[in-house]
C-alpha atoms as a PDB file:
ATOM      1  CA  UNK A   1     -23.334 -18.964  -7.527  1.00  0.00           C
ATOM      2  CA  UNK A   2     -24.770 -20.145  -4.232  1.00  0.00           C
ATOM      3  CA  UNK A   3     -23.551 -23.656  -5.011  1.00  0.00           C
ATOM      4  CA  UNK A   4     -20.025 -22.350  -5.547  1.00  0.00           C
ATOM      5  CA  UNK A   5     -20.241 -20.305  -2.334  1.00  0.00           C
ATOM      6  CA  UNK A   6     -21.257 -23.424  -0.421  1.00  0.00           C
ATOM      7  CA  UNK A   7     -18.460 -25.393  -2.057  1.00  0.00           C
ATOM      8  CA  UNK A   8     -15.920 -22.752  -0.987  1.00  0.00           C
ATOM      9  CA  UNK A   9     -17.252 -22.910   2.594  1.00  0.00           C
ATOM     10  CA  UNK A  10     -17.083 -26.716   2.624  1.00  0.00           C
ATOM     11  CA  UNK A  11     -13.546 -26.902   1.246  1.00  0.00           C
ATOM     12  CA  UNK A  12     -12.401 -24.261   3.732  1.00  0.00           C
ATOM     13  CA  UNK A  13     -14.014 -26.160   6.609  1.00  0.00           C
ATOM     14  CA  UNK A  14     -12.171 -29.342   5.605  1.00  0.00           C
ATOM     15  CA  UNK A  15      -8.851 -27.495   5.247  1.00  0.00           C
ATOM     16  CA  UNK A  16      -9.236 -25.713   8.588  1.00  0.00           C
ATOM     17  CA  UNK A  17     -10.350 -28.970  10.209  1.00  0.00           C
ATOM     18  CA  UNK A  18      -7.265 -30.832   8.994  1.00  0.00           C
ATOM     19  CA  UNK A  19      -4.975 -28.094  10.268  1.00  0.00           C
ATOM     20  CA  UNK A  20      -6.688 -27.824  13.673  1.00  0.00           C
ATOM     21  CA  UNK A  21      -6.750 -31.597  14.222  1.00  0.00           C
ATOM     22  CA  UNK A  22      -3.062 -31.783  13.304  1.00  0.00           C
ATOM     23  CA  UNK A  23      -2.272 -28.990  15.782  1.00  0.00           C
ATOM     24  CA  UNK A  24      -4.097 -30.877  18.536  1.00  0.00           C
ATOM     25  CA  UNK A  25      -2.273 -34.107  17.667  1.00  0.00           C
ATOM     26  CA  UNK A  26       1.098 -32.349  17.795  1.00  0.00           C
ATOM     27  CA  UNK A  27       0.305 -30.660  21.112  1.00  0.00           C
ATOM     28  CA  UNK A  28      -0.834 -33.982  22.590  1.00  0.00           C
ATOM     29  CA  UNK A  29       2.314 -35.709  21.331  1.00  0.00           C
ATOM     30  CA  UNK A  30       0.581 -38.264  19.110  1.00  0.00           C
ATOM     31  CA  UNK A  31       2.903 -40.844  17.603  1.00  0.00           C
ATOM     32  CA  UNK A  32       3.959 -40.117  14.031  1.00  0.00           C
ATOM     33  CA  UNK A  33       4.355 -43.869  13.485  1.00  0.00           C
ATOM     34  CA  UNK A  34       0.574 -44.066  13.175  1.00  0.00           C
ATOM     35  CA  UNK A  35      -0.450 -43.733   9.516  1.00  0.00           C
ATOM     36  CA  UNK A  36      -3.446 -41.491  10.211  1.00  0.00           C
ATOM     37  CA  UNK A  37      -1.463 -39.132  12.444  1.00  0.00           C
ATOM     38  CA  UNK A  38       1.362 -39.045   9.917  1.00  0.00           C
ATOM     39  CA  UNK A  39      -1.029 -38.289   7.034  1.00  0.00           C
ATOM     40  CA  UNK A  40      -2.776 -35.497   8.967  1.00  0.00           C
ATOM     41  CA  UNK A  41       0.545 -33.892   9.955  1.00  0.00           C
ATOM     42  CA  UNK A  42       1.861 -34.106   6.392  1.00  0.00           C
ATOM     43  CA  UNK A  43      -1.351 -32.640   4.967  1.00  0.00           C
ATOM     44  CA  UNK A  44      -1.376 -29.826   7.522  1.00  0.00           C
ATOM     45  CA  UNK A  45       2.304 -29.090   6.903  1.00  0.00           C
ATOM     46  CA  UNK A  46       1.622 -28.825   3.187  1.00  0.00           C
ATOM     47  CA  UNK A  47      -1.485 -26.645   3.650  1.00  0.00           C
ATOM     48  CA  UNK A  48       0.292 -24.376   6.132  1.00  0.00           C
ATOM     49  CA  UNK A  49       3.520 -24.308   4.132  1.00  0.00           C
ATOM     50  CA  UNK A  50       3.270 -20.631   3.130  1.00  0.00           C
ATOM     51  CA  UNK A  51       2.952 -19.703   6.802  1.00  0.00           C
ATOM     52  CA  UNK A  52       5.931 -21.723   8.061  1.00  0.00           C
ATOM     53  CA  UNK A  53       8.550 -19.705   9.842  1.00  0.00           C
ATOM     54  CA  UNK A  54       6.455 -16.629  10.604  1.00  0.00           C
ATOM     55  CA  UNK A  55       7.162 -16.960  14.331  1.00  0.00           C
ATOM     56  CA  UNK A  56       9.871 -18.857  16.190  1.00  0.00           C
ATOM     57  CA  UNK A  57       9.564 -19.830  19.839  1.00  0.00           C
ATOM     58  CA  UNK A  58      11.737 -21.891  22.159  1.00  0.00           C
ATOM     59  CA  UNK A  59       9.290 -24.767  21.896  1.00  0.00           C
ATOM     60  CA  UNK A  60       8.898 -26.487  18.542  1.00  0.00           C
ATOM     61  CA  UNK A  61       5.311 -27.359  19.446  1.00  0.00           C
ATOM     62  CA  UNK A  62       4.465 -23.721  20.176  1.00  0.00           C
ATOM     63  CA  UNK A  63       6.080 -22.569  16.932  1.00  0.00           C
ATOM     64  CA  UNK A  64       4.126 -25.117  14.919  1.00  0.00           C
ATOM     65  CA  UNK A  65       0.840 -24.418  16.726  1.00  0.00           C
ATOM     66  CA  UNK A  66       1.059 -20.649  16.248  1.00  0.00           C
ATOM     67  CA  UNK A  67       2.132 -20.750  12.586  1.00  0.00           C
ATOM     68  CA  UNK A  68      -0.394 -23.438  11.645  1.00  0.00           C
ATOM     69  CA  UNK A  69      -3.058 -21.625  13.686  1.00  0.00           C
ATOM     70  CA  UNK A  70      -2.424 -18.467  11.681  1.00  0.00           C
ATOM     71  CA  UNK A  71      -2.788 -20.510   8.495  1.00  0.00           C
ATOM     72  CA  UNK A  72      -6.135 -21.900   9.674  1.00  0.00           C
ATOM     73  CA  UNK A  73      -7.413 -18.421  10.531  1.00  0.00           C
ATOM     74  CA  UNK A  74      -6.307 -16.987   7.187  1.00  0.00           C
ATOM     75  CA  UNK A  75      -7.942 -19.837   5.270  1.00  0.00           C
ATOM     76  CA  UNK A  76     -11.186 -19.356   7.214  1.00  0.00           C
ATOM     77  CA  UNK A  77     -11.271 -15.565   6.753  1.00  0.00           C
ATOM     78  CA  UNK A  78     -10.419 -15.657   3.048  1.00  0.00           C
ATOM     79  CA  UNK A  79     -12.997 -18.385   2.405  1.00  0.00           C
ATOM     80  CA  UNK A  80     -15.640 -16.413   4.310  1.00  0.00           C
ATOM     81  CA  UNK A  81     -14.925 -13.310   2.241  1.00  0.00           C
ATOM     82  CA  UNK A  82     -14.989 -15.198  -1.065  1.00  0.00           C
ATOM     83  CA  UNK A  83     -18.120 -17.182  -0.241  1.00  0.00           C
ATOM     84  CA  UNK A  84     -19.851 -14.035   1.027  1.00  0.00           C
ATOM     85  CA  UNK A  85     -19.077 -12.197  -2.201  1.00  0.00           C
ATOM     86  CA  UNK A  86     -20.318 -15.133  -4.250  1.00  0.00           C
ATOM     87  CA  UNK A  87     -23.504 -15.383  -2.197  1.00  0.00           C
ATOM     88  CA  UNK A  88     -24.173 -11.667  -2.532  1.00  0.00           C
ATOM     89  CA  UNK A  89     -23.570 -11.842  -6.281  1.00  0.00           C
ATOM     90  CA  UNK A  90     -26.205 -14.555  -6.446  1.00  0.00           C
ATOM     91  CA  UNK A  91     -28.632 -12.470  -4.416  1.00  0.00           C
ATOM     92  CA  UNK A  92     -28.669 -14.883  -1.494  1.00  0.00           C
ATOM     93  CA  UNK A  93     -26.050 -13.491   0.813  1.00  0.00           C
ATOM     94  CA  UNK A  94     -26.958 -13.094   4.473  1.00  0.00           C
ATOM     95  CA  UNK A  95     -29.547 -10.356   4.185  1.00  0.00           C
ATOM     96  CA  UNK A  96     -27.925  -8.623   1.245  1.00  0.00           C
ATOM     97  CA  UNK A  97     -30.367  -9.991  -1.270  1.00  0.00           C
ATOM     98  CA  UNK A  98     -33.055  -8.117  -3.129  1.00  0.00           C
ATOM     99  CA  UNK A  99     -35.457  -6.182  -1.002  1.00  0.00           C
ATOM    100  CA  UNK A 100     -39.130  -6.451  -1.625  1.00  0.00           C
ATOM    101  CA  UNK A 101     -41.703  -4.015  -0.446  1.00  0.00           C
ATOM    102  CA  UNK A 102     -45.359  -4.626   0.033  1.00  0.00           C
ATOM    103  CA  UNK A 103     -47.861  -1.939  -0.530  1.00  0.00           C
END
């Protein structure tokens, strides 16, 4: 169970990292003609797809940053909850494990 909890944390960190890096690249105006920038933007757009269109601002960059930022936060929170539950179920969760007493 702890292995699965760590796997959930790792996958979430990668997903959140992709989204955050893509937000920074969009805000900095990185060229989409670059293959790496294009791949990161496409991956982030796909990962944040369910959150597209939540907010609309005058600036396209602001709209994208806010909606993708919400996606990153939701992914991080949900992964933390799931990994915490898995860790607790395994008895190794952040102080929620078995208590031992010494006499």
